[in-house]
PDB file of N, CA and C in Angstrom:
ATOM      1  N   UNK A   1      -6.519  -3.590   9.220  1.00  0.00           N
ATOM      2  CA  UNK A   1      -5.237  -4.100   9.465  1.00  0.00           C
ATOM      3  C   UNK A   1      -4.148  -3.961   8.771  1.00  0.00           C
ATOM      4  N   UNK A   2      -4.301  -4.040   7.184  1.00  0.00           N
ATOM      5  CA  UNK A   2      -3.546  -5.332   5.883  1.00  0.00           C
ATOM      6  C   UNK A   2      -2.256  -3.743   5.622  1.00  0.00           C
ATOM      7  N   UNK A   3      -3.016  -2.605   5.894  1.00  0.00           N
ATOM      8  CA  UNK A   3      -2.090  -1.160   5.176  1.00  0.00           C
ATOM      9  C   UNK A   3      -0.976  -0.918   7.037  1.00  0.00           C
ATOM     10  N   UNK A   4      -1.467  -0.804   7.904  1.00  0.00           N
ATOM     11  CA  UNK A   4      -1.190  -1.401   9.155  1.00  0.00           C
ATOM     12  C   UNK A   4       0.297  -1.993   9.515  1.00  0.00           C
ATOM     13  N   UNK A   5      -0.302  -3.281   9.190  1.00  0.00           N
ATOM     14  CA  UNK A   5       1.258  -4.599   8.262  1.00  0.00           C
ATOM     15  C   UNK A   5       2.422  -3.681   7.008  1.00  0.00           C
ATOM     16  N   UNK A   6       1.264  -3.288   6.000  1.00  0.00           N
ATOM     17  CA  UNK A   6       2.035  -3.210   4.371  1.00  0.00           C
ATOM     18  C   UNK A   6       3.076  -1.873   5.656  1.00  0.00           C
ATOM     19  N   UNK A   7       2.506  -1.047   6.085  1.00  0.00           N
ATOM     20  CA  UNK A   7       3.231   0.787   6.477  1.00  0.00           C
ATOM     21  C   UNK A   7       5.045  -0.480   7.155  1.00  0.00           C
ATOM     22  N   UNK A   8       4.195  -0.696   7.588  1.00  0.00           N
ATOM     23  CA  UNK A   8       5.433  -1.423   8.738  1.00  0.00           C
ATOM     24  C   UNK A   8       6.509  -2.311   7.956  1.00  0.00           C
ATOM     25  N   UNK A   9       6.119  -2.919   7.472  1.00  0.00           N
ATOM     26  CA  UNK A   9       7.375  -4.020   6.586  1.00  0.00           C
ATOM     27  C   UNK A   9       7.228  -4.252   5.544  1.00  0.00           C
ATOM     28  N   UNK A  10       6.275  -3.852   4.606  1.00  0.00           N
ATOM     29  CA  UNK A  10       6.478  -3.706   2.187  1.00  0.00           C
ATOM     30  C   UNK A  10       7.244  -2.781   2.546  1.00  0.00           C
ATOM     31  N   UNK A  11       9.072  -2.667   2.065  1.00  0.00           N
ATOM     32  CA  UNK A  11       9.611  -1.701   1.594  1.00  0.00           C
ATOM     33  C   UNK A  11       8.734  -0.456   0.606  1.00  0.00           C
ATOM     34  N   UNK A  12       8.293  -1.105  -0.170  1.00  0.00           N
ATOM     35  CA  UNK A  12       7.374   0.865  -1.082  1.00  0.00           C
ATOM     36  C   UNK A  12       6.626   0.693  -0.303  1.00  0.00           C
ATOM     37  N   UNK A  13       5.430   0.875   0.155  1.00  0.00           N
ATOM     38  CA  UNK A  13       4.334   0.668   0.823  1.00  0.00           C
ATOM     39  C   UNK A  13       4.604   2.073   2.019  1.00  0.00           C
ATOM     40  N   UNK A  14       5.771   1.470   2.683  1.00  0.00           N
ATOM     41  CA  UNK A  14       6.371   2.090   3.770  1.00  0.00           C
ATOM     42  C   UNK A  14       7.058   3.652   2.593  1.00  0.00           C
ATOM     43  N   UNK A  15       8.146   3.620   2.049  1.00  0.00           N
ATOM     44  CA  UNK A  15       7.677   4.523   1.602  1.00  0.00           C
ATOM     45  C   UNK A  15       7.588   5.455   1.143  1.00  0.00           C
ATOM     46  N   UNK A  16       6.058   5.137   0.033  1.00  0.00           N
ATOM     47  CA  UNK A  16       4.302   5.095  -0.177  1.00  0.00           C
ATOM     48  C   UNK A  16       3.684   6.344   0.683  1.00  0.00           C
ATOM     49  N   UNK A  17       4.252   5.877   1.973  1.00  0.00           N
ATOM     50  CA  UNK A  17       2.855   6.172   2.996  1.00  0.00           C
ATOM     51  C   UNK A  17       4.165   7.279   4.207  1.00  0.00           C
ATOM     52  N   UNK A  18       5.260   7.593   4.345  1.00  0.00           N
ATOM     53  CA  UNK A  18       6.563   8.031   3.968  1.00  0.00           C
ATOM     54  C   UNK A  18       6.730   9.893   3.043  1.00  0.00           C
ATOM     55  N   UNK A  19       5.993   9.726   1.970  1.00  0.00           N
ATOM     56  CA  UNK A  19       5.662  10.228   1.511  1.00  0.00           C
ATOM     57  C   UNK A  19       4.466  10.897   1.380  1.00  0.00           C
ATOM     58  N   UNK A  20       3.685  10.497   1.475  1.00  0.00           N
ATOM     59  CA  UNK A  20       2.205  11.613   2.035  1.00  0.00           C
ATOM     60  C   UNK A  20       2.228  12.165   3.018  1.00  0.00           C
ATOM     61  N   UNK A  21       3.166  11.158   4.644  1.00  0.00           N
ATOM     62  CA  UNK A  21       3.151  12.368   5.100  1.00  0.00           C
ATOM     63  C   UNK A  21       4.538  13.748   5.071  1.00  0.00           C
ATOM     64  N   UNK A  22       4.845  13.275   3.993  1.00  0.00           N
ATOM     65  CA  UNK A  22       6.183  14.349   3.862  1.00  0.00           C
ATOM     66  C   UNK A  22       5.175  15.644   3.430  1.00  0.00           C
ATOM     67  N   UNK A  23       4.582  15.749   2.693  1.00  0.00           N
ATOM     68  CA  UNK A  23       3.341  15.805   1.610  1.00  0.00           C
ATOM     69  C   UNK A  23       2.544  16.507   2.496  1.00  0.00           C
ATOM     70  N   UNK A  24       2.442  16.714   4.219  1.00  0.00           N
ATOM     71  CA  UNK A  24       1.177  16.953   5.164  1.00  0.00           C
ATOM     72  C   UNK A  24       0.438  16.836   5.028  1.00  0.00           C
ATOM     73  N   UNK A  25      -0.410  15.499   4.714  1.00  0.00           N
ATOM     74  CA  UNK A  25      -1.053  13.777   4.516  1.00  0.00           C
ATOM     75  C   UNK A  25      -1.480  13.826   5.898  1.00  0.00           C
ATOM     76  N   UNK A  26      -2.436  13.644   7.147  1.00  0.00           N
ATOM     77  CA  UNK A  26      -2.985  13.436   8.471  1.00  0.00           C
ATOM     78  C   UNK A  26      -2.449  11.869   8.439  1.00  0.00           C
ATOM     79  N   UNK A  27      -2.509  11.183   9.274  1.00  0.00           N
ATOM     80  CA  UNK A  27      -1.665  10.061   9.332  1.00  0.00           C
ATOM     81  C   UNK A  27      -2.785   9.285   8.541  1.00  0.00           C
ATOM     82  N   UNK A  28      -3.879   9.156   8.825  1.00  0.00           N
ATOM     83  CA  UNK A  28      -5.328   8.593   8.647  1.00  0.00           C
ATOM     84  C   UNK A  28      -5.447   8.925   7.725  1.00  0.00           C
ATOM     85  N   UNK A  29      -4.664   9.922   7.180  1.00  0.00           N
ATOM     86  CA  UNK A  29      -5.323   9.802   5.284  1.00  0.00           C
ATOM     87  C   UNK A  29      -4.299   9.252   4.682  1.00  0.00           C
ATOM     88  N   UNK A  30      -2.855   9.150   4.950  1.00  0.00           N
ATOM     89  CA  UNK A  30      -2.117   8.510   4.754  1.00  0.00           C
ATOM     90  C   UNK A  30      -2.505   6.707   4.997  1.00  0.00           C
ATOM     91  N   UNK A  31      -2.557   6.535   5.340  1.00  0.00           N
ATOM     92  CA  UNK A  31      -3.210   4.964   6.055  1.00  0.00           C
ATOM     93  C   UNK A  31      -4.327   4.965   5.469  1.00  0.00           C
ATOM     94  N   UNK A  32      -5.437   5.356   4.406  1.00  0.00           N
ATOM     95  CA  UNK A  32      -7.047   4.848   3.871  1.00  0.00           C
ATOM     96  C   UNK A  32      -6.511   4.275   2.127  1.00  0.00           C
ATOM     97  N   UNK A  33      -4.541   5.336   2.214  1.00  0.00           N
ATOM     98  CA  UNK A  33      -4.070   5.881   1.066  1.00  0.00           C
ATOM     99  C   UNK A  33      -3.611   4.476   0.319  1.00  0.00           C
ATOM    100  N   UNK A  34      -2.934   4.145   1.112  1.00  0.00           N
ATOM    101  CA  UNK A  34      -1.905   2.910   0.872  1.00  0.00           C
ATOM    102  C   UNK A  34      -2.951   2.330   1.169  1.00  0.00           C
ATOM    103  N   UNK A  35      -3.824   1.285   2.479  1.00  0.00           N
ATOM    104  CA  UNK A  35      -5.542   0.780   1.932  1.00  0.00           C
ATOM    105  C   UNK A  35      -5.729   0.389   0.303  1.00  0.00           C
ATOM    106  N   UNK A  36      -6.176   1.871  -0.582  1.00  0.00           N
ATOM    107  CA  UNK A  36      -7.139   1.760  -0.982  1.00  0.00           C
ATOM    108  C   UNK A  36      -5.952   1.265  -2.958  1.00  0.00           C
ATOM    109  N   UNK A  37      -4.836   1.892  -2.787  1.00  0.00           N
ATOM    110  CA  UNK A  37      -3.110   1.223  -3.069  1.00  0.00           C
ATOM    111  C   UNK A  37      -3.303  -0.493  -3.135  1.00  0.00           C
ATOM    112  N   UNK A  38      -3.620  -1.288  -1.993  1.00  0.00           N
ATOM    113  CA  UNK A  38      -3.331  -2.836  -1.410  1.00  0.00           C
ATOM    114  C   UNK A  38      -5.129  -3.217  -2.172  1.00  0.00           C
ATOM    115  N   UNK A  39      -5.950  -3.251  -2.051  1.00  0.00           N
ATOM    116  CA  UNK A  39      -7.000  -2.609  -3.211  1.00  0.00           C
ATOM    117  C   UNK A  39      -6.478  -3.144  -4.414  1.00  0.00           C
ATOM    118  N   UNK A  40      -5.831  -2.032  -4.742  1.00  0.00           N
ATOM    119  CA  UNK A  40      -5.857  -1.929  -6.837  1.00  0.00           C
ATOM    120  C   UNK A  40      -5.013  -3.254  -6.904  1.00  0.00           C
ATOM    121  N   UNK A  41      -3.925  -3.336  -5.716  1.00  0.00           N
ATOM    122  CA  UNK A  41      -3.534  -4.135  -6.015  1.00  0.00           C
ATOM    123  C   UNK A  41      -3.372  -5.331  -6.239  1.00  0.00           C
ATOM    124  N   UNK A  42      -4.478  -5.937  -4.929  1.00  0.00           N
ATOM    125  CA  UNK A  42      -5.318  -7.710  -5.185  1.00  0.00           C
ATOM    126  C   UNK A  42      -5.833  -7.511  -6.137  1.00  0.00           C
ATOM    127  N   UNK A  43      -6.643  -6.360  -6.780  1.00  0.00           N
ATOM    128  CA  UNK A  43      -7.556  -6.798  -7.821  1.00  0.00           C
ATOM    129  C   UNK A  43      -6.744  -7.051  -9.487  1.00  0.00           C
ATOM    130  N   UNK A  44      -5.942  -6.490  -9.510  1.00  0.00           N
ATOM    131  CA  UNK A  44      -5.259  -7.371 -10.733  1.00  0.00           C
ATOM    132  C   UNK A  44      -4.494  -8.291 -10.288  1.00  0.00           C
ATOM    133  N   UNK A  45      -3.888  -8.386  -9.473  1.00  0.00           N
ATOM    134  CA  UNK A  45      -3.388  -9.734  -9.407  1.00  0.00           C
ATOM    135  C   UNK A  45      -4.909 -10.646  -9.207  1.00  0.00           C
ATOM    136  N   UNK A  46      -5.718 -10.609  -8.809  1.00  0.00           N
ATOM    137  CA  UNK A  46      -6.469 -11.996  -9.220  1.00  0.00           C
ATOM    138  C   UNK A  46      -8.012 -11.423 -10.657  1.00  0.00           C
ATOM    139  N   UNK A  47      -7.284 -10.323 -11.953  1.00  0.00           N
ATOM    140  CA  UNK A  47      -7.923 -10.159 -13.079  1.00  0.00           C
ATOM    141  C   UNK A  47      -6.269 -10.981 -13.475  1.00  0.00           C
ATOM    142  N   UNK A  48      -5.843 -11.046 -13.378  1.00  0.00           N
ATOM    143  CA  UNK A  48      -4.844 -11.276 -13.481  1.00  0.00           C
ATOM    144  C   UNK A  48      -3.939 -12.898 -13.963  1.00  0.00           C
ATOM    145  N   UNK A  49      -4.727 -13.385 -12.680  1.00  0.00           N
ATOM    146  CA  UNK A  49      -4.529 -15.297 -12.236  1.00  0.00           C
ATOM    147  C   UNK A  49      -3.434 -14.866 -11.357  1.00  0.00           C
ATOM    148  N   UNK A  50      -2.602 -14.103 -10.684  1.00  0.00           N
ATOM    149  CA  UNK A  50      -1.142 -14.003 -11.288  1.00  0.00           C
ATOM    150  C   UNK A  50      -0.429 -14.183  -9.542  1.00  0.00           C
ATOM    151  N   UNK A  51       1.119 -14.543  -8.737  1.00  0.00           N
ATOM    152  CA  UNK A  51       0.625 -14.281  -7.668  1.00  0.00           C
ATOM    153  C   UNK A  51       1.149 -12.960  -7.722  1.00  0.00           C
ATOM    154  N   UNK A  52       1.696 -12.579  -6.058  1.00  0.00           N
ATOM    155  CA  UNK A  52       1.619 -11.720  -5.298  1.00  0.00           C
ATOM    156  C   UNK A  52       3.583 -12.271  -5.614  1.00  0.00           C
ATOM    157  N   UNK A  53       3.629 -10.958  -5.800  1.00  0.00           N
ATOM    158  CA  UNK A  53       5.696 -10.882  -5.571  1.00  0.00           C
ATOM    159  C   UNK A  53       6.348  -9.590  -5.496  1.00  0.00           C
ATOM    160  N   UNK A  54       7.201  -9.677  -3.852  1.00  0.00           N
ATOM    161  CA  UNK A  54       7.477  -8.934  -3.032  1.00  0.00           C
ATOM    162  C   UNK A  54       7.297  -7.258  -4.022  1.00  0.00           C
ATOM    163  N   UNK A  55       8.015  -7.436  -5.190  1.00  0.00           N
ATOM    164  CA  UNK A  55       7.837  -6.208  -6.159  1.00  0.00           C
ATOM    165  C   UNK A  55       6.751  -5.059  -6.773  1.00  0.00           C
ATOM    166  N   UNK A  56       6.320  -5.642  -6.171  1.00  0.00           N
ATOM    167  CA  UNK A  56       4.793  -5.127  -6.887  1.00  0.00           C
ATOM    168  C   UNK A  56       4.181  -4.050  -6.727  1.00  0.00           C
ATOM    169  N   UNK A  57       4.783  -3.696  -5.851  1.00  0.00           N
ATOM    170  CA  UNK A  57       4.044  -2.437  -5.287  1.00  0.00           C
ATOM    171  C   UNK A  57       3.991  -1.221  -5.736  1.00  0.00           C
TER     172      UNK A  57
END
């Protein structure tokens, strides 16, 4: 569910989703890629002890 919200409201992740779709990826595959990107960002934030900033994606 966070990936679906990110695709709607986060400009960077929305652009990445559209890029994947334009490259011919199936919608579920593109959503899964966004899910993975969110997990990677979250892990990096935890590792570095930082808080979310809008331009991190």
